[in-house]
């Protein structure tokens, strides 16, 4: 899973809608912090979307095996699922 904790900041140039930027500044928003947080969220979303696509067959095979054979360590469970 991508982690972005304590990563150094790097200056960059962005082209933003001038009206949106002006309103954000009027509202006292920290544009860099907001963009950084939203970009990190979108990167995580796309990372997991790609991971799911790349691992779709393996997940399907595992689910089929569990449906057919049950969970690998089910006999060691100390609880029972309520029905």
Protein backbone atom coordinates (compact mmCIF):
# COMPACT_ATOMS: atom_id res chain seq x y z
CA UNK A 1 0.00 0.00 0.00
CA UNK A 2 1.42 3.40 -0.86
CA UNK A 3 2.48 5.42 2.19
CA UNK A 4 3.35 9.06 2.02
CA UNK A 5 4.21 9.75 5.67
CA UNK A 6 7.13 12.08 6.29
CA UNK A 7 8.02 12.39 2.62
CA UNK A 8 9.86 15.59 1.74
CA UNK A 9 7.94 18.34 -0.04
CA UNK A 10 8.98 19.34 -3.54
CA UNK A 11 8.04 22.63 -5.17
CA UNK A 12 6.01 22.29 -8.35
CA UNK A 13 4.02 24.43 -10.73
CA UNK A 14 0.32 23.82 -11.19
CA UNK A 15 -2.20 25.43 -13.48
CA UNK A 16 -5.38 26.00 -11.51
CA UNK A 17 -8.66 27.68 -12.28
CA UNK A 18 -8.06 31.33 -11.31
CA UNK A 19 -11.53 31.83 -9.82
CA UNK A 20 -11.30 28.66 -7.73
CA UNK A 21 -7.83 29.64 -6.52
CA UNK A 22 -8.99 33.14 -5.59
CA UNK A 23 -11.97 31.80 -3.64
CA UNK A 24 -9.79 29.22 -1.88
CA UNK A 25 -7.43 31.99 -0.79
CA UNK A 26 -10.38 34.15 0.30
CA UNK A 27 -11.57 31.24 2.42
CA UNK A 28 -8.15 30.99 4.03
CA UNK A 29 -7.40 27.57 2.57
CA UNK A 30 -3.85 26.28 2.39
CA UNK A 31 -3.88 25.38 -1.29
CA UNK A 32 -0.67 23.32 -1.18
CA UNK A 33 -1.88 21.26 1.76
CA UNK A 34 -5.32 20.75 0.21
CA UNK A 35 -3.95 19.70 -3.18
CA UNK A 36 -1.40 17.42 -1.51
CA UNK A 37 -4.10 15.65 0.54
CA UNK A 38 -6.50 15.29 -2.40
CA UNK A 39 -3.76 14.06 -4.73
CA UNK A 40 -2.62 11.48 -2.17
CA UNK A 41 -6.22 10.25 -1.84
CA UNK A 42 -6.57 9.94 -5.64
CA UNK A 43 -3.21 8.13 -5.92
CA UNK A 44 -4.32 5.61 -3.28
CA UNK A 45 -7.66 5.10 -5.04
CA UNK A 46 -6.00 4.49 -8.40
CA UNK A 47 -3.33 2.27 -6.85
CA UNK A 48 -5.97 -0.05 -5.38
CA UNK A 49 -8.06 0.09 -8.55
CA UNK A 50 -5.03 -1.07 -10.55
CA UNK A 51 -4.12 -3.68 -7.90
CA UNK A 52 -7.65 -5.12 -8.07
CA UNK A 53 -7.49 -5.29 -11.87
CA UNK A 54 -4.06 -6.95 -11.85
CA UNK A 55 -5.06 -9.48 -9.17
CA UNK A 56 -8.62 -10.17 -10.28
CA UNK A 57 -7.87 -13.72 -11.45
CA UNK A 58 -5.96 -14.63 -8.26
CA UNK A 59 -8.73 -13.27 -6.03
CA UNK A 60 -11.38 -15.12 -8.05
CA UNK A 61 -9.37 -18.37 -7.83
CA UNK A 62 -8.95 -17.97 -4.07
CA UNK A 63 -12.67 -17.27 -3.61
CA UNK A 64 -13.53 -20.35 -5.67
CA UNK A 65 -11.18 -22.49 -3.57
CA UNK A 66 -12.70 -21.21 -0.32
CA UNK A 67 -16.21 -21.83 -1.66
CA UNK A 68 -15.22 -25.37 -2.64
CA UNK A 69 -12.93 -26.35 0.26
CA UNK A 70 -13.77 -23.89 3.02
CA UNK A 71 -11.35 -21.64 4.86
CA UNK A 72 -7.86 -23.13 5.29
CA UNK A 73 -7.79 -22.90 9.11
CA UNK A 74 -11.53 -23.08 9.82
CA UNK A 75 -11.16 -26.09 12.11
CA UNK A 76 -9.11 -23.98 14.53
CA UNK A 77 -11.80 -21.33 15.00
CA UNK A 78 -12.78 -20.66 18.59
CA UNK A 79 -16.02 -18.92 17.68
CA UNK A 80 -19.08 -19.86 15.66
CA UNK A 81 -20.72 -17.54 13.21
CA UNK A 82 -24.33 -16.78 14.22
CA UNK A 83 -26.92 -17.88 11.71
